[in-house]
């Protein structure tokens, strides 16, 4: 994958005519179908897609791992010039990952890539003259040829090799072998992406610093996640003063780890001080060990819900003690947008702008997390003050119009055009 000739404003020779006089032709590669925008990666990828659509004709190549999402393809076809969706069969994916184990390739990249999608990408590149290729998430970089003569922008979102390193650090013995192996292999793949792109994007300055240390790519561009905040949030006098909430995909290992940590080490302390307190775990696909937590006193597990507002709009506190967290956690922004004070781990605070401190409190120790939850449950005015600060924070730093302006500036820089 090349495509970095235009890093300083040059344009590939195959794009004839003045690009400012016509819509851009853009190829967008996305690791999962960017709709519906109902979880972190899809929220970001959907808004990136809409930003690209405003700038030109978009051909979308993507995967789908949930057959229910196929019903949204027509909506994407209404947005894009063409849409090609390739199902991810887990049996095929795990088989490819096993082969990769022996060949030295990244297991997660092998799991995600499909030959049919690669053929479609090659066909599109041969048939059409693109002004820009945009990739979302590192796995789809495998579809791009090394001799590509089109500028490429890649939104890695997070530094996946660092996430695998964290998985390895959290395990011991043989259980750490695969994460540490994948850390090295993904790191080599990230370096290939960084070396071949006009711009690399991640979600935070912290992730940009990590990528630069790991692969030597300087000038990585941080573009934060946005959030659509409700026009108003219920004040804390009308909320359930005993309800603490955690929202997330409940088959995602860092989320599973977090709620087990709460159930085992935090919640018994909270219940001792506030006997009627309830910890509600909200999110689709809860694994068996998460579902089993509902048998414990004061813990509820909802599974998938049609509308998060029924939970974020009634809870008193959001408790988000993720021990493994890369980039910006949408669950934190959503909680703040709904006026919830957030109690979190230091990894959460490190991903946010410094002035988030007025809206959340971060603690590494379980006892401190429990004490802070108890303090908030007993102080309605403190909850209101923190909640108001959170809504102001997301309005200031995470409005989608600001995010879109950053993408417009970046694309214009890559193509050597004035910002419109």
Protein backbone atom coordinates (compact mmCIF):
# COMPACT_ATOMS: atom_id res chain seq x y z
CA UNK A 1 0.00 0.00 0.00
CA UNK A 2 1.47 3.29 -1.04
CA UNK A 3 -0.68 6.35 -1.60
CA UNK A 4 1.52 8.75 0.36
CA UNK A 5 2.75 10.71 -2.67
CA UNK A 6 0.03 13.28 -1.99
CA UNK A 7 1.00 13.86 1.62
CA UNK A 8 2.27 17.33 0.76
CA UNK A 9 -0.53 18.29 -1.59
CA UNK A 10 0.37 16.48 -4.83
CA UNK A 11 -2.43 14.66 -6.67
CA UNK A 12 -2.27 11.34 -8.47
CA UNK A 13 -2.01 11.67 -12.22
CA UNK A 14 -5.04 9.47 -12.90
CA UNK A 15 -7.46 12.07 -11.44
CA UNK A 16 -8.06 14.37 -14.40
CA UNK A 17 -9.60 17.84 -14.17
CA UNK A 18 -9.87 20.35 -11.37
CA UNK A 19 -11.06 18.39 -8.29
CA UNK A 20 -12.68 21.50 -6.86
CA UNK A 21 -15.08 21.67 -9.82
CA UNK A 22 -16.62 18.23 -9.22
CA UNK A 23 -17.52 15.89 -6.38
CA UNK A 24 -14.69 13.71 -5.09
CA UNK A 25 -14.60 10.02 -5.94
CA UNK A 26 -13.97 8.17 -2.67
CA UNK A 27 -13.49 4.49 -1.87
CA UNK A 28 -14.43 3.78 1.76
CA UNK A 29 -13.34 0.49 3.32
CA UNK A 30 -14.97 -0.28 6.67
CA UNK A 31 -14.39 -3.34 8.84
CA UNK A 32 -18.08 -3.61 9.87
CA UNK A 33 -21.23 -2.25 8.26
CA UNK A 34 -21.49 1.37 9.49
CA UNK A 35 -25.15 1.16 10.43
CA UNK A 36 -27.04 1.26 12.70
CA UNK A 37 -24.93 3.69 14.77
CA UNK A 38 -25.81 1.96 18.04
CA UNK A 39 -22.37 1.14 19.46
CA UNK A 40 -18.99 2.79 19.60
CA UNK A 41 -17.29 1.69 16.40
CA UNK A 42 -20.45 2.04 14.28
CA UNK A 43 -21.24 5.49 15.66
CA UNK A 44 -17.83 6.74 14.59
CA UNK A 45 -17.78 4.94 11.21
CA UNK A 46 -21.32 6.06 10.32
CA UNK A 47 -20.50 9.70 10.97
CA UNK A 48 -17.27 9.37 9.00
CA UNK A 49 -19.31 7.92 6.11
CA UNK A 50 -21.80 10.80 6.20
CA UNK A 51 -18.90 13.24 6.25
CA UNK A 52 -17.42 11.61 3.14
CA UNK A 53 -20.80 11.53 1.37
CA UNK A 54 -21.07 15.30 1.76
CA UNK A 55 -17.82 15.61 -0.17
CA UNK A 56 -18.45 13.31 -3.11
CA UNK A 57 -19.43 9.93 -4.51
CA UNK A 58 -18.65 7.10 -2.12
CA UNK A 59 -18.19 3.43 -2.95
CA UNK A 60 -18.49 1.43 0.28
CA UNK A 61 -16.94 -2.01 0.82
CA UNK A 62 -17.67 -3.49 4.23
CA UNK A 63 -18.31 -6.64 6.24
CA UNK A 64 -21.32 -7.73 8.26
CA UNK A 65 -21.07 -10.01 11.29
CA UNK A 66 -24.68 -9.73 12.47
CA UNK A 67 -27.21 -10.91 9.84
CA UNK A 68 -29.79 -8.52 11.32
CA UNK A 69 -27.72 -5.61 10.01
CA UNK A 70 -28.37 -6.68 6.42
CA UNK A 71 -31.77 -4.99 6.61
CA UNK A 72 -29.96 -1.64 6.71
CA UNK A 73 -28.09 -2.10 3.43
CA UNK A 74 -30.71 -0.22 1.41
CA UNK A 75 -30.30 2.84 3.63
CA UNK A 76 -26.57 2.78 2.92
CA UNK A 77 -27.25 2.41 -0.79
CA UNK A 78 -29.36 5.54 -0.62
CA UNK A 79 -26.29 7.35 0.74
CA UNK A 80 -23.53 5.82 -1.37
CA UNK A 81 -22.92 5.32 -5.07
CA UNK A 82 -22.32 1.60 -4.53
CA UNK A 83 -22.38 -0.68 -1.49
CA UNK A 84 -20.76 -4.12 -1.30
CA UNK A 85 -21.32 -6.11 1.88
CA UNK A 86 -19.43 -9.33 2.67
CA UNK A 87 -20.67 -11.62 5.47
CA UNK A 88 -18.24 -12.74 8.16
CA UNK A 89 -18.81 -16.43 8.84
CA UNK A 90 -17.15 -17.25 12.20
CA UNK A 91 -16.14 -20.75 11.03
CA UNK A 92 -14.32 -19.27 8.05
CA UNK A 93 -12.81 -16.58 10.24
CA UNK A 94 -11.43 -18.96 12.86
CA UNK A 95 -10.07 -21.26 10.13
CA UNK A 96 -8.24 -18.33 8.55
CA UNK A 97 -6.91 -17.30 11.96
CA UNK A 98 -5.54 -20.80 12.58
CA UNK A 99 -3.75 -20.72 9.23
CA UNK A 100 -2.35 -17.30 10.11
CA UNK A 101 -0.98 -18.72 13.37
CA UNK A 102 1.37 -20.86 11.30
CA UNK A 103 2.18 -18.32 8.58
CA UNK A 104 3.16 -15.37 10.76
CA UNK A 105 0.23 -13.12 9.82
CA UNK A 106 -1.99 -11.28 12.29
CA UNK A 107 -4.78 -13.53 13.56
CA UNK A 108 -7.32 -10.72 13.87
CA UNK A 109 -6.58 -9.41 10.39
CA UNK A 110 -6.85 -12.93 8.94
CA UNK A 111 -10.15 -13.48 10.76
CA UNK A 112 -11.66 -10.37 9.21
CA UNK A 113 -10.40 -10.44 5.62
CA UNK A 114 -12.22 -12.24 2.80
CA UNK A 115 -10.97 -13.06 -0.70
CA UNK A 116 -14.27 -11.97 -2.27
CA UNK A 117 -13.95 -8.54 -0.68
CA UNK A 118 -10.33 -8.26 -1.83
CA UNK A 119 -11.38 -9.05 -5.40
CA UNK A 120 -14.10 -6.39 -5.26
CA UNK A 121 -11.66 -3.76 -3.99
CA UNK A 122 -9.20 -4.58 -6.79
CA UNK A 123 -12.02 -4.38 -9.36
CA UNK A 124 -13.17 -0.98 -8.11
CA UNK A 125 -9.63 0.39 -8.14
CA UNK A 126 -9.20 -0.84 -11.71
CA UNK A 127 -12.58 0.46 -12.94
CA UNK A 128 -12.65 3.93 -11.35
CA UNK A 129 -10.35 6.88 -10.86
CA UNK A 130 -10.44 7.69 -7.17
CA UNK A 131 -9.37 10.93 -5.57
CA UNK A 132 -9.13 9.34 -2.13
CA UNK A 133 -9.26 6.00 -0.33
CA UNK A 134 -10.41 6.04 3.29
CA UNK A 135 -10.05 3.02 5.56
CA UNK A 136 -11.70 2.49 8.91
CA UNK A 137 -10.01 0.05 11.32
CA UNK A 138 -6.72 -1.60 10.52
CA UNK A 139 -8.03 -4.96 9.27
CA UNK A 140 -9.26 -3.62 5.92
CA UNK A 141 -5.79 -2.34 5.01
CA UNK A 142 -5.09 -5.89 3.83
CA UNK A 143 -7.30 -5.17 0.80
CA UNK A 144 -5.12 -2.37 -0.56
CA UNK A 145 -2.35 -3.16 -3.08
CA UNK A 146 1.19 -2.05 -2.35
CA UNK A 147 1.42 -0.09 -5.62
CA UNK A 148 -1.74 1.97 -5.07
CA UNK A 149 -1.37 5.41 -6.67
CA UNK A 150 -4.15 7.15 -4.75
CA UNK A 151 -3.81 9.04 -1.44
CA UNK A 152 -4.95 6.95 1.51
CA UNK A 153 -6.31 8.13 4.86
CA UNK A 154 -6.70 5.51 7.59
CA UNK A 155 -8.75 5.91 10.74
CA UNK A 156 -7.25 3.33 13.09
CA UNK A 157 -9.40 4.71 15.94
CA UNK A 158 -7.27 2.93 18.56
CA UNK A 159 -3.82 1.37 18.53
CA UNK A 160 -4.81 -2.29 18.45
CA UNK A 161 -1.31 -3.56 19.19
CA UNK A 162 -1.40 -1.66 22.49
CA UNK A 163 -4.76 -3.24 23.29
CA UNK A 164 -3.30 -6.71 22.68
CA UNK A 165 -0.38 -5.78 24.93
CA UNK A 166 -2.85 -4.89 27.68
CA UNK A 167 -4.64 -8.23 27.22
CA UNK A 168 -1.28 -9.98 27.58
CA UNK A 169 -0.40 -8.03 30.72
CA UNK A 170 -3.74 -9.02 32.27
CA UNK A 171 -3.05 -12.74 31.81
CA UNK A 172 -0.32 -15.14 32.79
CA UNK A 173 1.30 -18.29 31.47
CA UNK A 174 -0.09 -19.83 28.32
CA UNK A 175 -3.15 -17.52 28.41
CA UNK A 176 -0.83 -14.61 27.64
CA UNK A 177 0.81 -16.30 24.63
CA UNK A 178 -1.74 -15.39 21.95
CA UNK A 179 -2.19 -11.75 23.05
CA UNK A 180 1.56 -11.18 23.12
CA UNK A 181 1.99 -12.87 19.74
CA UNK A 182 -0.82 -10.77 18.29
CA UNK A 183 0.67 -7.62 19.77
CA UNK A 184 3.82 -8.14 17.70
CA UNK A 185 2.01 -9.11 14.51
CA UNK A 186 -0.58 -6.33 14.67
CA UNK A 187 2.19 -3.88 15.48
CA UNK A 188 4.02 -4.84 12.28
CA UNK A 189 0.76 -4.43 10.34
CA UNK A 190 0.15 -1.00 11.89
CA UNK A 191 3.64 0.05 10.81
CA UNK A 192 2.85 -1.00 7.24
CA UNK A 193 -0.31 1.12 7.34
CA UNK A 194 1.47 4.10 8.84
CA UNK A 195 4.26 3.95 6.27
CA UNK A 196 1.81 3.78 3.35
CA UNK A 197 -0.74 6.47 4.19
CA UNK A 198 -1.02 10.17 3.56
CA UNK A 199 -2.61 10.57 7.00
CA UNK A 200 -3.25 8.27 9.94
CA UNK A 201 -6.10 9.18 12.32
CA UNK A 202 -6.77 7.98 15.85
CA UNK A 203 -9.36 8.99 18.43
CA UNK A 204 -7.16 10.76 21.00
CA UNK A 205 -3.81 12.47 21.38
CA UNK A 206 -2.88 9.71 23.82
CA UNK A 207 -3.40 7.09 21.07
CA UNK A 208 -1.42 9.26 18.63
CA UNK A 209 1.49 9.32 21.07
CA UNK A 210 1.28 5.54 21.53
CA UNK A 211 1.27 4.91 17.78
CA UNK A 212 4.23 7.20 17.25
CA UNK A 213 6.22 5.37 19.94
CA UNK A 214 5.32 1.96 18.54
CA UNK A 215 5.76 2.45 14.79
CA UNK A 216 7.69 5.69 14.46
CA UNK A 217 4.87 7.44 12.61
CA UNK A 218 4.85 11.13 13.46
CA UNK A 219 2.10 13.55 12.54
CA UNK A 220 -0.69 11.15 13.46
CA UNK A 221 -3.92 13.16 13.60
CA UNK A 222 -6.25 12.86 16.63
CA UNK A 223 -9.95 13.29 15.79
CA UNK A 224 -12.26 12.63 18.71
CA UNK A 225 -15.59 10.84 18.74
CA UNK A 226 -18.70 12.96 18.67
CA UNK A 227 -21.94 12.51 20.55
CA UNK A 228 -25.54 13.48 19.88
CA UNK A 229 -26.77 14.82 23.19
CA UNK A 230 -30.45 15.02 24.08
CA UNK A 231 -31.84 18.55 24.12
CA UNK A 232 -32.48 18.21 27.83
CA UNK A 233 -31.69 15.70 30.56
CA UNK A 234 -33.88 15.00 33.60
CA UNK A 235 -32.63 16.78 36.69
CA UNK A 236 -31.46 14.63 39.56
CA UNK A 237 -34.47 15.38 41.67
CA UNK A 238 -36.52 13.26 39.22
CA UNK A 239 -34.07 10.36 38.89
CA UNK A 240 -33.82 7.05 40.71
CA UNK A 241 -31.38 7.99 43.47
CA UNK A 242 -30.33 4.37 44.02
CA UNK A 243 -29.66 3.33 40.41
CA UNK A 244 -26.12 2.98 39.04
CA UNK A 245 -25.69 2.00 35.40
CA UNK A 246 -23.11 0.47 33.06
CA UNK A 247 -23.81 0.45 29.31
CA UNK A 248 -21.90 -1.57 26.72
CA UNK A 249 -21.61 -4.64 24.53
CA UNK A 250 -21.57 -7.43 27.07
CA UNK A 251 -19.58 -9.95 25.06
CA UNK A 252 -16.65 -7.51 24.77
CA UNK A 253 -13.87 -8.70 27.13
CA UNK A 254 -13.00 -5.30 28.71
CA UNK A 255 -16.71 -4.70 29.50
CA UNK A 256 -17.09 -8.20 30.91
CA UNK A 257 -14.00 -7.70 33.05
CA UNK A 258 -15.32 -4.37 34.32
CA UNK A 259 -18.74 -5.60 35.44
CA UNK A 260 -17.24 -8.66 37.12
CA UNK A 261 -14.86 -6.37 38.96
CA UNK A 262 -17.82 -4.28 40.13
CA UNK A 263 -19.86 -7.32 41.14
CA UNK A 264 -17.01 -8.97 43.06
CA UNK A 265 -15.17 -6.06 44.63
CA UNK A 266 -17.16 -2.83 44.45
CA UNK A 267 -20.85 -3.53 44.71
CA UNK A 268 -20.81 -5.41 48.04
CA UNK A 269 -19.20 -2.32 49.60
CA UNK A 270 -21.79 -0.02 48.02
CA UNK A 271 -24.68 -2.21 49.20
CA UNK A 272 -23.30 -2.27 52.72
CA UNK A 273 -23.57 1.53 52.84
CA UNK A 274 -26.68 1.90 50.64
CA UNK A 275 -28.73 -1.32 51.00
CA UNK A 276 -31.24 -0.38 48.31
CA UNK A 277 -28.70 0.51 45.63
CA UNK A 278 -28.94 -1.30 42.28
CA UNK A 279 -26.27 -1.84 39.63
CA UNK A 280 -27.86 -2.20 36.19
CA UNK A 281 -25.82 -3.74 33.35
CA UNK A 282 -27.33 -2.62 30.04
CA UNK A 283 -26.22 -3.96 26.67
CA UNK A 284 -26.65 -6.60 24.04
CA UNK A 285 -25.15 -10.10 23.95
CA UNK A 286 -24.38 -10.64 27.65
CA UNK A 287 -22.32 -13.81 27.99
CA UNK A 288 -23.33 -16.50 30.49
CA UNK A 289 -21.08 -15.25 33.29
CA UNK A 290 -22.58 -11.75 32.96
CA UNK A 291 -26.16 -13.07 32.93
CA UNK A 292 -25.35 -15.00 36.10
CA UNK A 293 -24.57 -11.74 37.91
CA UNK A 294 -28.31 -10.98 37.99
CA UNK A 295 -28.63 -13.58 40.75
CA UNK A 296 -26.59 -11.38 43.09
CA UNK A 297 -28.30 -8.88 45.39
CA UNK A 298 -28.81 -5.49 43.79
CA UNK A 299 -27.51 -6.40 40.31
CA UNK A 300 -29.70 -6.30 37.17
CA UNK A 301 -28.79 -7.50 33.65
CA UNK A 302 -31.10 -6.24 30.90
CA UNK A 303 -29.56 -7.60 27.70
CA UNK A 304 -30.31 -5.63 24.56
CA UNK A 305 -32.72 -2.72 25.02
CA UNK A 306 -34.60 -0.72 22.37
CA UNK A 307 -33.79 2.67 23.86
CA UNK A 308 -30.92 3.64 26.15
CA UNK A 309 -32.70 6.81 27.25
CA UNK A 310 -34.95 4.78 29.55
CA UNK A 311 -31.81 3.85 31.53
CA UNK A 312 -29.45 6.80 31.08
CA UNK A 313 -32.32 9.19 31.74
CA UNK A 314 -33.32 7.58 35.04
CA UNK A 315 -30.02 6.48 36.62
CA UNK A 316 -28.19 8.53 39.23
CA UNK A 317 -24.58 7.52 38.47
CA UNK A 318 -22.62 5.82 35.67
CA UNK A 319 -19.95 3.42 36.97
CA UNK A 320 -17.35 2.59 34.26
CA UNK A 321 -14.21 1.06 35.80
CA UNK A 322 -12.61 -0.31 32.62
CA UNK A 323 -9.15 -1.70 33.31
CA UNK A 324 -8.43 -2.11 29.58
CA UNK A 325 -9.50 0.97 27.61
CA UNK A 326 -8.14 2.42 24.39
CA UNK A 327 -9.31 5.61 22.74
CA UNK A 328 -12.47 7.42 23.79
CA UNK A 329 -15.23 5.31 25.30
CA UNK A 330 -18.59 6.27 23.81
CA UNK A 331 -20.31 4.93 26.91
CA UNK A 332 -18.64 7.72 28.89
CA UNK A 333 -19.71 10.43 26.43
CA UNK A 334 -23.28 9.06 26.37
CA UNK A 335 -23.47 9.09 30.16
CA UNK A 336 -22.20 12.67 30.29
CA UNK A 337 -24.61 13.75 27.53
CA UNK A 338 -27.46 12.45 29.68
CA UNK A 339 -26.26 14.42 32.70
CA UNK A 340 -24.83 11.49 34.66
CA UNK A 341 -21.84 11.90 36.94
CA UNK A 342 -19.26 9.29 35.94
CA UNK A 343 -17.15 7.19 38.28
CA UNK A 344 -14.39 5.54 36.27
CA UNK A 345 -10.93 4.06 36.13
CA UNK A 346 -7.81 6.15 35.43
CA UNK A 347 -7.68 4.68 31.90
CA UNK A 348 -10.95 6.48 31.14
CA UNK A 349 -9.77 9.83 32.41
CA UNK A 350 -6.52 9.59 30.44
CA UNK A 351 -8.47 9.50 27.16
CA UNK A 352 -10.40 12.73 27.75
CA UNK A 353 -9.59 16.42 27.66
CA UNK A 354 -8.29 17.76 30.96
CA UNK A 355 -11.45 19.75 31.74
CA UNK A 356 -13.46 16.51 31.96
CA UNK A 357 -12.35 16.40 35.59
CA UNK A 358 -15.37 18.47 36.63
CA UNK A 359 -17.70 15.73 35.34
CA UNK A 360 -16.05 12.51 36.45
CA UNK A 361 -13.92 11.04 39.19
CA UNK A 362 -11.31 8.38 38.48
CA UNK A 363 -10.02 5.80 40.97
CA UNK A 364 -7.78 2.77 40.60
CA UNK A 365 -8.74 1.03 43.84
CA UNK A 366 -12.02 -0.85 44.28
CA UNK A 367 -12.62 0.66 47.74
CA UNK A 368 -12.23 4.17 46.35
CA UNK A 369 -14.65 3.43 43.50
CA UNK A 370 -17.21 2.17 46.01
CA UNK A 371 -16.73 5.16 48.33
CA UNK A 372 -17.23 7.59 45.45
CA UNK A 373 -20.43 5.88 44.30
CA UNK A 374 -21.76 5.98 47.88
CA UNK A 375 -20.87 9.67 48.17
CA UNK A 376 -22.70 10.52 44.95
CA UNK A 377 -25.77 8.46 45.81
CA UNK A 378 -26.06 10.42 49.02
CA UNK A 379 -25.61 13.90 47.53
CA UNK A 380 -28.19 15.01 44.96
CA UNK A 381 -26.61 18.44 44.49
CA UNK A 382 -23.19 16.93 43.76
CA UNK A 383 -24.76 14.60 41.21
CA UNK A 384 -26.48 17.57 39.56
CA UNK A 385 -23.30 19.66 39.49
CA UNK A 386 -21.24 16.83 37.98
CA UNK A 387 -24.00 15.97 35.52
CA UNK A 388 -24.31 19.57 34.31
CA UNK A 389 -20.54 19.74 33.90
CA UNK A 390 -20.64 16.58 31.79
CA UNK A 391 -23.25 17.96 29.43
CA UNK A 392 -21.23 21.14 29.04
CA UNK A 393 -18.07 19.09 28.41
CA UNK A 394 -19.51 17.04 25.54
CA UNK A 395 -21.06 20.13 23.98
CA UNK A 396 -17.68 21.86 24.09
CA UNK A 397 -15.46 19.03 22.84
CA UNK A 398 -17.57 16.33 21.19
CA UNK A 399 -20.17 17.97 18.99
CA UNK A 400 -20.42 16.20 15.61
CA UNK A 401 -20.18 19.46 13.66
CA UNK A 402 -16.75 20.04 15.19
CA UNK A 403 -15.68 16.50 14.30
CA UNK A 404 -16.90 16.93 10.72
CA UNK A 405 -14.95 20.17 10.39
CA UNK A 406 -11.78 18.34 11.47
CA UNK A 407 -12.33 15.70 8.77
CA UNK A 408 -12.95 18.41 6.16
CA UNK A 409 -9.70 20.11 7.12
CA UNK A 410 -7.76 16.85 7.00
CA UNK A 411 -9.12 15.79 3.60
CA UNK A 412 -8.48 19.22 2.12
CA UNK A 413 -4.91 19.05 3.37
CA UNK A 414 -4.34 15.64 1.83
CA UNK A 415 -5.71 16.76 -1.53
CA UNK A 416 -4.05 20.16 -1.49
CA UNK A 417 -7.34 22.03 -1.56
CA UNK A 418 -8.69 25.00 0.44
CA UNK A 419 -11.01 24.12 3.31
CA UNK A 420 -14.59 24.80 2.19
